Protein backbone atom coordinates (compact mmCIF):
# COMPACT_ATOMS: atom_id res chain seq x y z
CA MET A 1 0.00 0.00 0.00
CA PHE A 2 2.80 2.41 0.80
CA ALA A 3 4.47 1.83 -2.56
CA TYR A 4 1.40 3.19 -4.35
CA ALA A 5 1.29 6.23 -2.06
CA ASP A 6 4.96 6.94 -2.71
CA ALA A 7 4.44 6.60 -6.46
CA PHE A 8 1.41 8.91 -6.30
CA ASP A 9 3.39 11.49 -4.32
CA ASP A 10 6.25 11.24 -6.79
CA VAL A 11 3.93 11.76 -9.77
CA LEU A 12 2.27 14.76 -8.09
CA PHE A 13 5.66 16.25 -7.29
CA LYS A 14 6.91 15.82 -10.86
CA ILE A 15 3.74 17.33 -12.36
CA ASN A 16 4.04 20.25 -9.96
CA ALA A 17 7.74 20.81 -10.59
CA ASN A 18 7.66 20.43 -14.38
CA ILE A 19 4.25 21.79 -15.42
CA VAL A 20 2.47 23.78 -12.72
CA ASN A 21 5.43 25.77 -11.35
CA PRO A 22 6.61 27.05 -14.74
CA ALA A 23 3.02 27.93 -15.70
CA ILE A 24 2.52 29.91 -12.48
CA GLU A 25 5.85 31.69 -12.89
CA PHE A 26 5.01 32.55 -16.50
CA ALA A 27 1.59 33.89 -15.46
CA PHE A 28 3.22 36.05 -12.77
CA ILE A 29 5.60 37.46 -15.40
CA ILE A 30 2.70 38.20 -17.77
CA ALA A 31 0.69 39.88 -14.98
CA THR A 32 3.71 41.99 -14.04
CA VAL A 33 4.28 43.08 -17.65
CA ILE A 34 0.60 43.99 -18.09
CA PHE A 35 0.56 45.93 -14.83
CA LEU A 36 3.77 47.82 -15.65
CA TRP A 37 2.53 48.56 -19.17
CA GLY A 38 -0.61 50.05 -17.61
CA VAL A 39 1.48 52.21 -15.28
CA PHE A 40 3.57 53.36 -18.25
CA GLN A 41 0.46 54.20 -20.30
CA PHE A 42 -1.14 56.00 -17.38
CA ILE A 43 1.92 58.18 -16.72
CA MET A 44 2.93 58.88 -20.32
CA ASN A 45 -0.60 59.76 -21.50
CA ALA A 46 -1.75 61.85 -18.55
CA ALA A 47 -3.34 64.43 -20.84
CA ASP A 48 -5.40 61.95 -22.92
CA LYS A 49 -8.41 60.65 -21.01
CA THR A 50 -8.94 57.51 -23.13
CA LYS A 51 -5.28 56.44 -22.96
CA ARG A 52 -5.29 57.05 -19.22
CA GLN A 53 -8.33 54.81 -18.91
CA GLU A 54 -6.56 52.11 -20.95
CA GLY A 55 -3.65 52.34 -18.53
CA LYS A 56 -6.01 51.97 -15.57
CA ASP A 57 -7.63 48.95 -17.20
CA HIS A 58 -4.25 47.29 -17.76
CA MET A 59 -3.27 47.94 -14.13
CA ILE A 60 -6.54 46.44 -12.92
CA TRP A 61 -6.15 43.32 -15.11
CA GLY A 62 -2.55 42.95 -13.96
CA ALA A 63 -3.71 43.07 -10.34
CA VAL A 64 -6.46 40.53 -11.12
CA GLY A 65 -3.78 38.27 -12.60
CA PHE A 66 -1.74 38.57 -9.40
CA LEU A 67 -4.79 37.65 -7.30
CA ILE A 68 -5.55 34.63 -9.46
CA MET A 69 -1.97 33.37 -9.21
CA PHE A 70 -1.92 33.83 -5.43
CA GLY A 71 -5.18 31.86 -5.33
CA VAL A 72 -3.63 29.07 -7.41
CA TYR A 73 -0.66 29.00 -5.06
CA GLY A 74 -3.01 28.77 -2.09
CA ILE A 75 -5.00 25.95 -3.67
CA ILE A 76 -1.82 23.99 -4.41
CA THR A 77 -0.63 24.47 -0.84
CA ILE A 78 -4.00 23.38 0.60
CA LEU A 79 -4.13 20.32 -1.67
CA GLY A 80 -0.58 19.38 -0.74
CA ASN A 81 -1.32 19.69 2.98
CA THR A 82 -4.64 17.86 2.68
CA LEU A 83 -3.17 14.96 0.73
CA GLY A 84 -0.11 14.89 2.98
CA VAL A 85 2.30 15.41 0.10
CA SER A 86 5.44 17.02 1.43
CA GLY A 87 7.39 19.19 -0.95
CA LEU A 88 4.36 20.19 -3.03
CA THR A 89 5.09 23.90 -3.14
CA VAL A 90 5.50 26.52 -5.82
CA ASN A 91 9.28 26.57 -5.85
CA GLN A 92 11.24 25.81 -9.00
CA LYS A 93 14.57 25.47 -7.17
CA GLN A 94 13.37 22.42 -5.25
CA GLN A 95 14.35 19.48 -7.46
CA THR A 96 14.29 16.50 -5.11
CA PHE A 97 11.39 14.80 -3.42
CA THR A 98 11.89 13.54 0.10
CA PRO A 99 9.02 11.30 1.18
CA PRO A 100 7.77 11.55 4.75
CA LYS A 101 9.18 9.06 7.24
CA ILE A 102 6.81 6.23 8.06
CA THR A 103 7.25 4.64 11.43
CA PRO A 104 5.70 1.24 12.19
CA LEU A 105 3.04 1.02 14.86
CA THR A 106 4.20 -0.38 18.18
CA PHE A 107 1.76 -1.56 20.81
CA PRO A 108 2.56 -1.62 24.52
CA LYS A 109 2.73 -5.02 26.15
C-alpha cells in the first residue's frame, strides 16, 4: 500500500515541478508586464483621457492576474497539505522529493 502512495506522491511532485510551477511563474511574469505597461500608459498619457483609462484597465487586469496566481498558489498548498504530500510547493529550485518518514506502529505489552 505504501508503494502506491509513494508513487502517487512522486507523480504529483513531478507534475508540480515540471508543469504547474513554470506555468505559475510565466503567469506572474505576464501579470507583471501587463501591470507595468498600464502604469507606463497612465503616466505617459496623462493628458489623454482615453489612454489614461486604458492604462487603468491594464493595471486592474494585472492586479487581477496577481490575485488569481496567489489563489492558485493557495489551492496547491491546501491540496498538498490535505493529501499529505510534502514538498508540493510553488518553488522551482526544489528538485528533489523527500518522502515523509513512516514509522511502524508499536503496541505496549
